[in-house]
Amino acid sequence: TLFSVLFPTFTIENVFSVHADETVLVFKEQKYYVWLLVDHETNLILC
């Protein structure tokens, strides 16, 4: 909960190419989709 305030997103300078994708996680017969945005150069999760 604290990191959701400190790190809502990771800010990286000079980002010009990003990868976006989603996956599904099933909990108690309900589907939840997790979306990620990853930097192409550093391979860090941006948001």
All heavy atoms as atom14 arrays in JSON, in Angstrom:
{
  "sequence": "TLFSVLFPTFTIENVFSVHADETVLVFKEQKYYVWLLVDHETNLILC",
  "atom14_mask": [
    [1, 1, 1, 1, 1, 1, 1, 0, 0, 0, 0, 0, 0, 0],
    [1, 1, 1, 1, 1, 1, 1, 1, 0, 0, 0, 0, 0, 0],
    [1, 1, 1, 1, 1, 1, 1, 1, 1, 1, 1, 0, 0, 0],
    [1, 1, 1, 1, 1, 1, 0, 0, 0, 0, 0, 0, 0, 0],
    [1, 1, 1, 1, 1, 1, 1, 0, 0, 0, 0, 0, 0, 0],
    [1, 1, 1, 1, 1, 1, 1, 1, 0, 0, 0, 0, 0, 0],
    [1, 1, 1, 1, 1, 1, 1, 1, 1, 1, 1, 0, 0, 0],
    [1, 1, 1, 1, 1, 1, 1, 0, 0, 0, 0, 0, 0, 0],
    [1, 1, 1, 1, 1, 1, 1, 0, 0, 0, 0, 0, 0, 0],
    [1, 1, 1, 1, 1, 1, 1, 1, 1, 1, 1, 0, 0, 0],
    [1, 1, 1, 1, 1, 1, 1, 0, 0, 0, 0, 0, 0, 0],
    [1, 1, 1, 1, 1, 1, 1, 1, 0, 0, 0, 0, 0, 0],
    [1, 1, 1, 1, 1, 1, 1, 1, 1, 0, 0, 0, 0, 0],
    [1, 1, 1, 1, 1, 1, 1, 1, 0, 0, 0, 0, 0, 0],
    [1, 1, 1, 1, 1, 1, 1, 0, 0, 0, 0, 0, 0, 0],
    [1, 1, 1, 1, 1, 1, 1, 1, 1, 1, 1, 0, 0, 0],
    [1, 1, 1, 1, 1, 1, 0, 0, 0, 0, 0, 0, 0, 0],
    [1, 1, 1, 1, 1, 1, 1, 0, 0, 0, 0, 0, 0, 0],
    [1, 1, 1, 1, 1, 1, 1, 1, 1, 1, 0, 0, 0, 0],
    [1, 1, 1, 1, 1, 0, 0, 0, 0, 0, 0, 0, 0, 0],
    [1, 1, 1, 1, 1, 1, 1, 1, 0, 0, 0, 0, 0, 0],
    [1, 1, 1, 1, 1, 1, 1, 1, 1, 0, 0, 0, 0, 0],
    [1, 1, 1, 1, 1, 1, 1, 0, 0, 0, 0, 0, 0, 0],
    [1, 1, 1, 1, 1, 1, 1, 0, 0, 0, 0, 0, 0, 0],
    [1, 1, 1, 1, 1, 1, 1, 1, 0, 0, 0, 0, 0, 0],
    [1, 1, 1, 1, 1, 1, 1, 0, 0, 0, 0, 0, 0, 0],
    [1, 1, 1, 1, 1, 1, 1, 1, 1, 1, 1, 0, 0, 0],
    [1, 1, 1, 1, 1, 1, 1, 1, 1, 0, 0, 0, 0, 0],
    [1, 1, 1, 1, 1, 1, 1, 1, 1, 0, 0, 0, 0, 0],
    [1, 1, 1, 1, 1, 1, 1, 1, 1, 0, 0, 0, 0, 0],
    [1, 1, 1, 1, 1, 1, 1, 1, 1, 0, 0, 0, 0, 0],
    [1, 1, 1, 1, 1, 1, 1, 1, 1, 1, 1, 1, 0, 0],
    [1, 1, 1, 1, 1, 1, 1, 1, 1, 1, 1, 1, 0, 0],
    [1, 1, 1, 1, 1, 1, 1, 0, 0, 0, 0, 0, 0, 0],
    [1, 1, 1, 1, 1, 1, 1, 1, 1, 1, 1, 1, 1, 1],
    [1, 1, 1, 1, 1, 1, 1, 1, 0, 0, 0, 0, 0, 0],
    [1, 1, 1, 1, 1, 1, 1, 1, 0, 0, 0, 0, 0, 0],
    [1, 1, 1, 1, 1, 1, 1, 0, 0, 0, 0, 0, 0, 0],
    [1, 1, 1, 1, 1, 1, 1, 1, 0, 0, 0, 0, 0, 0],
    [1, 1, 1, 1, 1, 1, 1, 1, 1, 1, 0, 0, 0, 0],
    [1, 1, 1, 1, 1, 1, 1, 1, 1, 0, 0, 0, 0, 0],
    [1, 1, 1, 1, 1, 1, 1, 0, 0, 0, 0, 0, 0, 0],
    [1, 1, 1, 1, 1, 1, 1, 1, 0, 0, 0, 0, 0, 0],
    [1, 1, 1, 1, 1, 1, 1, 1, 0, 0, 0, 0, 0, 0],
    [1, 1, 1, 1, 1, 1, 1, 1, 0, 0, 0, 0, 0, 0],
    [1, 1, 1, 1, 1, 1, 1, 1, 0, 0, 0, 0, 0, 0],
    [1, 1, 1, 1, 1, 1, 0, 0, 0, 0, 0, 0, 0, 0]
  ],
  "atom14_positions": [
    [[0.83, -1.2, 0.0], [0.0, 0.0, 0.0], [0.86, 1.26, 0.0], [0.56, 2.24, -0.69], [-0.93, 0.0, 1.23], [-1.69, -1.22, 1.26], [-1.88, 1.18, 1.18], [0.0, 0.0, 0.0], [0.0, 0.0, 0.0], [0.0, 0.0, 0.0], [0.0, 0.0, 0.0], [0.0, 0.0, 0.0], [0.0, 0.0, 0.0], [0.0, 0.0, 0.0]],
    [[1.96, 1.22, 0.76], [2.86, 2.37, 0.8], [3.55, 2.6, -0.53], [3.68, 3.74, -1.0], [3.9, 2.16, 1.9], [4.95, 3.26, 2.08], [4.28, 4.57, 2.46], [5.96, 2.86, 3.14], [0.0, 0.0, 0.0], [0.0, 0.0, 0.0], [0.0, 0.0, 0.0], [0.0, 0.0, 0.0], [0.0, 0.0, 0.0], [0.0, 0.0, 0.0]],
    [[3.96, 1.52, -1.2], [4.64, 1.67, -2.49], [3.68, 2.14, -3.58], [4.13, 2.68, -4.59], [5.29, 0.35, -2.9], [6.5, 0.01, -2.08], [6.82, -1.3, -1.8], [7.3, 1.01, -1.58], [7.93, -1.6, -1.05], [8.42, 0.72, -0.81], [8.74, -0.58, -0.55], [0.0, 0.0, 0.0], [0.0, 0.0, 0.0], [0.0, 0.0, 0.0]],
    [[2.39, 1.9, -3.41], [1.43, 2.44, -4.38], [1.41, 3.95, -4.35], [1.01, 4.59, -5.34], [0.03, 1.88, -4.1], [-0.44, 2.35, -2.84], [0.0, 0.0, 0.0], [0.0, 0.0, 0.0], [0.0, 0.0, 0.0], [0.0, 0.0, 0.0], [0.0, 0.0, 0.0], [0.0, 0.0, 0.0], [0.0, 0.0, 0.0], [0.0, 0.0, 0.0]],
    [[1.83, 4.55, -3.21], [1.94, 6.02, -3.12], [3.31, 6.49, -3.58], [3.43, 7.48, -4.29], [1.68, 6.47, -1.67], [1.8, 7.99, -1.55], [0.3, 6.02, -1.21], [0.0, 0.0, 0.0], [0.0, 0.0, 0.0], [0.0, 0.0, 0.0], [0.0, 0.0, 0.0], [0.0, 0.0, 0.0], [0.0, 0.0, 0.0], [0.0, 0.0, 0.0]],
    [[4.37, 5.74, -3.2], [5.72, 6.15, -3.57], [6.02, 5.9, -5.03], [6.7, 6.68, -5.69], [6.75, 5.39, -2.71], [6.75, 5.7, -1.21], [7.82, 4.87, -0.53], [6.99, 7.16, -0.96], [0.0, 0.0, 0.0], [0.0, 0.0, 0.0], [0.0, 0.0, 0.0], [0.0, 0.0, 0.0], [0.0, 0.0, 0.0], [0.0, 0.0, 0.0]],
    [[5.52, 4.76, -5.56], [5.84, 4.37, -6.93], [4.55, 4.11, -7.72], [4.27, 2.97, -8.08], [6.7, 3.11, -6.95], [7.97, 3.21, -6.17], [8.07, 2.65, -4.92], [9.05, 3.88, -6.69], [9.23, 2.74, -4.19], [10.22, 3.97, -5.97], [10.32, 3.41, -4.71], [0.0, 0.0, 0.0], [0.0, 0.0, 0.0], [0.0, 0.0, 0.0]],
    [[3.72, 5.13, -7.96], [2.55, 4.87, -8.81], [2.96, 4.45, -10.21], [2.31, 3.65, -10.85], [1.81, 6.21, -8.8], [2.85, 7.22, -8.46], [3.83, 6.53, -7.57], [0.0, 0.0, 0.0], [0.0, 0.0, 0.0], [0.0, 0.0, 0.0], [0.0, 0.0, 0.0], [0.0, 0.0, 0.0], [0.0, 0.0, 0.0], [0.0, 0.0, 0.0]],
    [[4.07, 5.01, -10.7], [4.69, 4.62, -11.98], [6.19, 4.82, -11.85], [6.66, 5.52, -10.96], [4.17, 5.45, -13.17], [4.42, 6.83, -12.9], [2.68, 5.22, -13.39], [0.0, 0.0, 0.0], [0.0, 0.0, 0.0], [0.0, 0.0, 0.0], [0.0, 0.0, 0.0], [0.0, 0.0, 0.0], [0.0, 0.0, 0.0], [0.0, 0.0, 0.0]],
    [[6.96, 4.21, -12.75], [8.39, 4.42, -12.8], [8.68, 5.39, -13.95], [8.38, 5.1, -15.11], [9.13, 3.11, -13.02], [9.55, 2.46, -11.75], [8.64, 1.78, -10.96], [10.87, 2.52, -11.32], [9.02, 1.19, -9.77], [11.26, 1.93, -10.14], [10.34, 1.26, -9.36], [0.0, 0.0, 0.0], [0.0, 0.0, 0.0], [0.0, 0.0, 0.0]],
    [[9.26, 6.52, -13.62], [9.56, 7.54, -14.62], [10.98, 7.35, -15.13], [11.93, 7.4, -14.34], [9.39, 8.95, -14.03], [8.06, 9.08, -13.52], [9.63, 10.0, -15.1], [0.0, 0.0, 0.0], [0.0, 0.0, 0.0], [0.0, 0.0, 0.0], [0.0, 0.0, 0.0], [0.0, 0.0, 0.0], [0.0, 0.0, 0.0], [0.0, 0.0, 0.0]],
    [[11.14, 7.14, -16.42], [12.45, 6.96, -17.04], [12.55, 7.94, -18.2], [11.63, 8.06, -19.01], [12.65, 5.51, -17.53], [12.46, 4.52, -16.38], [14.02, 5.34, -18.17], [12.54, 3.08, -16.8], [0.0, 0.0, 0.0], [0.0, 0.0, 0.0], [0.0, 0.0, 0.0], [0.0, 0.0, 0.0], [0.0, 0.0, 0.0], [0.0, 0.0, 0.0]],
    [[13.65, 8.65, -18.26], [13.84, 9.62, -19.32], [14.19, 8.92, -20.64], [14.74, 7.83, -20.66], [14.95, 10.61, -18.95], [14.63, 11.44, -17.71], [15.74, 12.41, -17.38], [16.78, 12.38, -18.08], [15.57, 13.19, -16.42], [0.0, 0.0, 0.0], [0.0, 0.0, 0.0], [0.0, 0.0, 0.0], [0.0, 0.0, 0.0], [0.0, 0.0, 0.0]],
    [[13.87, 9.61, -21.72], [14.21, 9.15, -23.08], [13.62, 7.77, -23.38], [14.3, 6.85, -23.8], [15.73, 9.12, -23.27], [16.35, 10.49, -23.08], [15.76, 11.5, -23.43], [17.56, 10.52, -22.51], [0.0, 0.0, 0.0], [0.0, 0.0, 0.0], [0.0, 0.0, 0.0], [0.0, 0.0, 0.0], [0.0, 0.0, 0.0], [0.0, 0.0, 0.0]],
    [[12.32, 7.63, -23.1], [11.6, 6.4, -23.44], [10.87, 6.66, -24.76], [9.99, 7.51, -24.84], [10.6, 6.0, -22.34], [9.79, 4.8, -22.77], [11.35, 5.71, -21.04], [0.0, 0.0, 0.0], [0.0, 0.0, 0.0], [0.0, 0.0, 0.0], [0.0, 0.0, 0.0], [0.0, 0.0, 0.0], [0.0, 0.0, 0.0], [0.0, 0.0, 0.0]],
    [[11.24, 5.9, -25.79], [10.64, 6.09, -27.11], [9.99, 4.82, -27.65], [9.33, 4.87, -28.68], [11.69, 6.58, -28.11], [12.34, 7.87, -27.7], [13.62, 7.87, -27.17], [11.67, 9.07, -27.8], [14.23, 9.05, -26.78], [12.26, 10.26, -27.43], [13.55, 10.25, -26.91], [0.0, 0.0, 0.0], [0.0, 0.0, 0.0], [0.0, 0.0, 0.0]],
    [[10.19, 3.7, -26.98], [9.6, 2.44, -27.44], [9.2, 1.62, -26.22], [10.02, 1.37, -25.33], [10.62, 1.66, -28.29], [10.06, 0.44, -28.74], [0.0, 0.0, 0.0], [0.0, 0.0, 0.0], [0.0, 0.0, 0.0], [0.0, 0.0, 0.0], [0.0, 0.0, 0.0], [0.0, 0.0, 0.0], [0.0, 0.0, 0.0], [0.0, 0.0, 0.0]],
    [[7.92, 1.21, -26.18], [7.4, 0.46, -25.03], [6.63, -0.75, -25.53], [6.07, -0.75, -26.63], [6.49, 1.34, -24.15], [7.27, 2.46, -23.5], [5.33, 1.9, -24.95], [0.0, 0.0, 0.0], [0.0, 0.0, 0.0], [0.0, 0.0, 0.0], [0.0, 0.0, 0.0], [0.0, 0.0, 0.0], [0.0, 0.0, 0.0], [0.0, 0.0, 0.0]],
    [[6.61, -1.79, -24.71], [5.85, -3.0, -24.99], [4.63, -3.03, -24.06], [4.76, -2.76, -22.86], [6.7, -4.24, -24.75], [7.83, -4.39, -25.72], [7.87, -5.37, -26.69], [8.98, -3.68, -25.87], [8.99, -5.26, -27.38], [9.69, -4.25, -26.9], [0.0, 0.0, 0.0], [0.0, 0.0, 0.0], [0.0, 0.0, 0.0], [0.0, 0.0, 0.0]],
    [[3.49, -3.36, -24.61], [2.25, -3.44, -23.83], [1.61, -4.8, -24.06], [1.6, -5.32, -25.19], [1.28, -2.33, -24.22], [0.0, 0.0, 0.0], [0.0, 0.0, 0.0], [0.0, 0.0, 0.0], [0.0, 0.0, 0.0], [0.0, 0.0, 0.0], [0.0, 0.0, 0.0], [0.0, 0.0, 0.0], [0.0, 0.0, 0.0], [0.0, 0.0, 0.0]],
    [[1.12, -5.38, -22.99], [0.44, -6.67, -23.11], [-0.41, -6.87, -21.87], [-0.28, -6.15, -20.86], [1.45, -7.81, -23.25], [0.81, -9.07, -23.83], [-0.38, -9.0, -24.17], [1.51, -10.1, -23.94], [0.0, 0.0, 0.0], [0.0, 0.0, 0.0], [0.0, 0.0, 0.0], [0.0, 0.0, 0.0], [0.0, 0.0, 0.0], [0.0, 0.0, 0.0]],
    [[-1.3, -7.85, -21.94], [-2.19, -8.17, -20.82], [-2.27, -9.68, -20.66], [-2.02, -10.44, -21.6], [-3.6, -7.6, -21.05], [-4.48, -8.35, -22.04], [-4.0, -8.21, -23.47], [-3.3, -7.23, -23.76], [-4.35, -9.08, -24.29], [0.0, 0.0, 0.0], [0.0, 0.0, 0.0], [0.0, 0.0, 0.0], [0.0, 0.0, 0.0], [0.0, 0.0, 0.0]],
    [[-2.57, -10.11, -19.44], [-2.75, -11.53, -19.15], [-3.93, -11.67, -18.19], [-4.36, -10.68, -17.58], [-1.48, -12.14, -18.53], [-1.63, -13.57, -18.43], [-1.23, -11.59, -17.13], [0.0, 0.0, 0.0], [0.0, 0.0, 0.0], [0.0, 0.0, 0.0], [0.0, 0.0, 0.0], [0.0, 0.0, 0.0], [0.0, 0.0, 0.0], [0.0, 0.0, 0.0]],
    [[-4.42, -12.88, -18.08], [-5.59, -13.14, -17.25], [-5.18, -13.98, -16.04], [-4.38, -14.92, -16.16], [-6.71, -13.84, -18.06], [-6.23, -15.18, -18.61], [-7.97, -14.0, -17.22], [0.0, 0.0, 0.0], [0.0, 0.0, 0.0], [0.0, 0.0, 0.0], [0.0, 0.0, 0.0], [0.0, 0.0, 0.0], [0.0, 0.0, 0.0], [0.0, 0.0, 0.0]],
    [[-5.71, -13.62, -14.89], [-5.53, -14.38, -13.65], [-6.91, -14.72, -13.12], [-7.79, -13.86, -13.08], [-4.75, -13.57, -12.61], [-3.31, -13.19, -12.98], [-2.72, -12.29, -11.9], [-2.45, -14.42, -13.16], [0.0, 0.0, 0.0], [0.0, 0.0, 0.0], [0.0, 0.0, 0.0], [0.0, 0.0, 0.0], [0.0, 0.0, 0.0], [0.0, 0.0, 0.0]],
    [[-7.1, -15.95, -12.71], [-8.41, -16.44, -12.24], [-8.35, -16.63, -10.74], [-7.5, -17.38, -10.23], [-8.8, -17.75, -12.94], [-10.16, -18.22, -12.45], [-8.81, -17.56, -14.46], [0.0, 0.0, 0.0], [0.0, 0.0, 0.0], [0.0, 0.0, 0.0], [0.0, 0.0, 0.0], [0.0, 0.0, 0.0], [0.0, 0.0, 0.0], [0.0, 0.0, 0.0]],
    [[-9.24, -15.97, -10.02], [-9.35, -16.12, -8.58], [-10.82, -16.29, -8.22], [-11.66, -15.45, -8.56], [-8.79, -14.89, -7.84], [-7.32, -14.7, -8.05], [-6.85, -13.67, -8.83], [-6.41, -15.54, -7.46], [-5.5, -13.48, -9.02], [-5.06, -15.37, -7.63], [-4.6, -14.34, -8.42], [0.0, 0.0, 0.0], [0.0, 0.0, 0.0], [0.0, 0.0, 0.0]],
    [[-11.12, -17.4, -7.55], [-12.49, -17.69, -7.12], [-13.46, -17.6, -8.29], [-14.52, -16.97, -8.21], [-12.9, -16.75, -5.98], [-12.07, -16.93, -4.72], [-12.57, -16.04, -3.59], [-11.75, -16.27, -2.34], [-12.19, -15.42, -1.21], [0.0, 0.0, 0.0], [0.0, 0.0, 0.0], [0.0, 0.0, 0.0], [0.0, 0.0, 0.0], [0.0, 0.0, 0.0]],
    [[-13.06, -18.24, -9.41], [-13.87, -18.33, -10.62], [-14.16, -16.98, -11.24], [-15.13, -16.81, -11.97], [-15.18, -19.08, -10.33], [-14.97, -20.51, -9.83], [-16.28, -21.21, -9.57], [-17.34, -20.55, -9.68], [-16.24, -22.43, -9.27], [0.0, 0.0, 0.0], [0.0, 0.0, 0.0], [0.0, 0.0, 0.0], [0.0, 0.0, 0.0], [0.0, 0.0, 0.0]],
    [[-13.34, -15.97, -10.97], [-13.48, -14.66, -11.59], [-12.19, -14.31, -12.31], [-11.1, -14.58, -11.8], [-13.81, -13.58, -10.55], [-15.2, -13.72, -9.95], [-15.55, -12.55, -9.05], [-14.77, -11.62, -8.89], [-16.73, -12.6, -8.45], [0.0, 0.0, 0.0], [0.0, 0.0, 0.0], [0.0, 0.0, 0.0], [0.0, 0.0, 0.0], [0.0, 0.0, 0.0]],
    [[-12.32, -13.7, -13.49], [-11.16, -13.33, -14.28], [-10.75, -11.89, -13.97], [-11.58, -11.0, -13.88], [-11.48, -13.45, -15.77], [-11.64, -14.89, -16.26], [-11.86, -14.91, -17.77], [-12.0, -16.34, -18.28], [-12.19, -16.38, -19.75], [0.0, 0.0, 0.0], [0.0, 0.0, 0.0], [0.0, 0.0, 0.0], [0.0, 0.0, 0.0], [0.0, 0.0, 0.0]],
    [[-9.44, -11.73, -13.82], [-8.85, -10.4, -13.63], [-7.73, -10.24, -14.65], [-6.91, -11.14, -14.83], [-8.29, -10.24, -12.21], [-9.35, -10.27, -11.14], [-9.76, -11.48, -10.57], [-9.95, -9.11, -10.68], [-10.73, -11.51, -9.59], [-10.92, -9.13, -9.7], [-11.3, -10.34, -9.15], [-12.27, -10.38, -8.18], [0.0, 0.0, 0.0], [0.0, 0.0, 0.0]],
    [[-7.7, -9.09, -15.3], [-6.7, -8.83, -16.33], [-5.62, -7.91, -15.75], [-5.93, -6.87, -15.14], [-7.34, -8.18, -17.56], [-8.29, -9.11, -18.29], [-9.66, -9.06, -18.04], [-7.81, -10.03, -19.21], [-10.53, -9.92, -18.7], [-8.68, -10.89, -19.87], [-10.03, -10.83, -19.61], [-10.89, -11.68, -20.26], [0.0, 0.0, 0.0], [0.0, 0.0, 0.0]],
    [[-4.38, -8.3, -15.97], [-3.22, -7.52, -15.53], [-2.56, -6.93, -16.77], [-2.18, -7.67, -17.69], [-2.22, -8.39, -14.74], [-1.04, -7.55, -14.28], [-2.91, -9.05, -13.55], [0.0, 0.0, 0.0], [0.0, 0.0, 0.0], [0.0, 0.0, 0.0], [0.0, 0.0, 0.0], [0.0, 0.0, 0.0], [0.0, 0.0, 0.0], [0.0, 0.0, 0.0]],
    [[-2.43, -5.61, -16.8], [-1.84, -4.89, -17.93], [-0.48, -4.35, -17.51], [-0.34, -3.77, -16.43], [-2.74, -3.72, -18.36], [-4.15, -4.11, -18.66], [-5.13, -4.43, -17.76], [-4.76, -4.21, -19.95], [-6.3, -4.73, -18.4], [-6.1, -4.6, -19.76], [-4.31, -4.0, -21.25], [-6.99, -4.79, -20.79], [-5.19, -4.19, -22.3], [-6.52, -4.57, -22.07]],
    [[0.51, -4.52, -18.38], [1.86, -4.03, -18.12], [2.35, -3.2, -19.29], [1.97, -3.45, -20.45], [2.85, -5.18, -17.87], [2.65, -6.04, -16.63], [3.76, -7.07, -16.52], [2.57, -5.2, -15.36], [0.0, 0.0, 0.0], [0.0, 0.0, 0.0], [0.0, 0.0, 0.0], [0.0, 0.0, 0.0], [0.0, 0.0, 0.0], [0.0, 0.0, 0.0]],
    [[3.21, -2.25, -18.98], [3.9, -1.44, -19.98], [5.38, -1.49, -19.65], [5.8, -1.04, -18.58], [3.39, 0.0, -19.95], [3.48, 0.8, -21.25], [2.59, 0.17, -22.31], [3.06, 2.24, -21.03], [0.0, 0.0, 0.0], [0.0, 0.0, 0.0], [0.0, 0.0, 0.0], [0.0, 0.0, 0.0], [0.0, 0.0, 0.0], [0.0, 0.0, 0.0]],
    [[6.19, -2.07, -20.55], [7.61, -2.34, -20.3], [8.45, -1.54, -21.28], [8.13, -1.47, -22.48], [7.92, -3.85, -20.43], [9.4, -4.13, -20.22], [7.08, -4.64, -19.42], [0.0, 0.0, 0.0], [0.0, 0.0, 0.0], [0.0, 0.0, 0.0], [0.0, 0.0, 0.0], [0.0, 0.0, 0.0], [0.0, 0.0, 0.0], [0.0, 0.0, 0.0]],
    [[9.53, -0.95, -20.77], [10.45, -0.18, -21.62], [11.28, -1.13, -22.48], [11.77, -2.15, -22.0], [11.36, 0.68, -20.74], [12.29, 1.54, -21.57], [11.97, 1.82, -22.73], [13.36, 1.91, -21.04], [0.0, 0.0, 0.0], [0.0, 0.0, 0.0], [0.0, 0.0, 0.0], [0.0, 0.0, 0.0], [0.0, 0.0, 0.0], [0.0, 0.0, 0.0]],
    [[11.44, -0.79, -23.75], [12.18, -1.65, -24.67], [13.68, -1.66, -24.38], [14.34, -2.69, -24.57], [11.94, -1.18, -26.11], [12.66, -1.99, -27.14], [12.28, -3.26, -27.52], [13.78, -1.7, -27.88], [13.11, -3.72, -28.43], [14.03, -2.79, -28.67], [0.0, 0.0, 0.0], [0.0, 0.0, 0.0], [0.0, 0.0, 0.0], [0.0, 0.0, 0.0]],
    [[14.24, -0.55, -23.93], [15.68, -0.46, -23.72], [16.11, -1.05, -22.39], [17.05, -1.84, -22.31], [16.13, 1.01, -23.82], [15.89, 1.64, -25.18], [16.74, 1.0, -26.27], [17.82, 0.47, -25.93], [16.32, 1.05, -27.45], [0.0, 0.0, 0.0], [0.0, 0.0, 0.0], [0.0, 0.0, 0.0], [0.0, 0.0, 0.0], [0.0, 0.0, 0.0]],
    [[15.44, -0.67, -21.31], [15.87, -1.07, -19.96], [15.16, -2.32, -19.44], [15.57, -2.86, -18.41], [15.64, 0.09, -18.98], [14.24, 0.41, -18.95], [16.43, 1.3, -19.41], [0.0, 0.0, 0.0], [0.0, 0.0, 0.0], [0.0, 0.0, 0.0], [0.0, 0.0, 0.0], [0.0, 0.0, 0.0], [0.0, 0.0, 0.0], [0.0, 0.0, 0.0]],
    [[14.08, -2.73, -20.1], [13.29, -3.89, -19.66], [12.69, -3.67, -18.27], [12.48, -4.62, -17.51], [14.14, -5.16, -19.67], [13.28, -6.42, -19.66], [12.08, -6.38, -19.97], [13.86, -7.53, -19.26], [0.0, 0.0, 0.0], [0.0, 0.0, 0.0], [0.0, 0.0, 0.0], [0.0, 0.0, 0.0], [0.0, 0.0, 0.0], [0.0, 0.0, 0.0]],
    [[12.42, -2.43, -17.91], [11.79, -2.1, -16.64], [10.28, -1.91, -16.84], [9.83, -1.45, -17.89], [12.39, -0.83, -16.05], [13.85, -0.89, -15.62], [14.31, 0.48, -15.14], [14.06, -1.93, -14.54], [0.0, 0.0, 0.0], [0.0, 0.0, 0.0], [0.0, 0.0, 0.0], [0.0, 0.0, 0.0], [0.0, 0.0, 0.0], [0.0, 0.0, 0.0]],
    [[9.52, -2.27, -15.83], [8.07, -2.1, -15.88], [7.75, -0.65, -15.58], [8.0, -0.15, -14.49], [7.38, -3.03, -14.86], [7.79, -4.48, -15.08], [5.87, -2.88, -14.95], [7.25, -5.44, -14.05], [0.0, 0.0, 0.0], [0.0, 0.0, 0.0], [0.0, 0.0, 0.0], [0.0, 0.0, 0.0], [0.0, 0.0, 0.0], [0.0, 0.0, 0.0]],
    [[7.19, 0.04, -16.56], [6.91, 1.47, -16.41], [5.63, 1.73, -15.63], [5.58, 2.6, -14.78], [6.84, 2.13, -17.79], [8.11, 2.04, -18.64], [7.86, 2.66, -20.0], [9.28, 2.69, -17.95], [0.0, 0.0, 0.0], [0.0, 0.0, 0.0], [0.0, 0.0, 0.0], [0.0, 0.0, 0.0], [0.0, 0.0, 0.0], [0.0, 0.0, 0.0]],
    [[4.58, 0.99, -15.93], [3.32, 1.14, -15.22], [2.51, -0.13, -15.36], [2.8, -0.98, -16.21], [2.52, 2.36, -15.71], [2.18, 2.36, -17.48], [0.0, 0.0, 0.0], [0.0, 0.0, 0.0], [0.0, 0.0, 0.0], [0.0, 0.0, 0.0], [0.0, 0.0, 0.0], [0.0, 0.0, 0.0], [0.0, 0.0, 0.0], [0.0, 0.0, 0.0]]
  ]
}
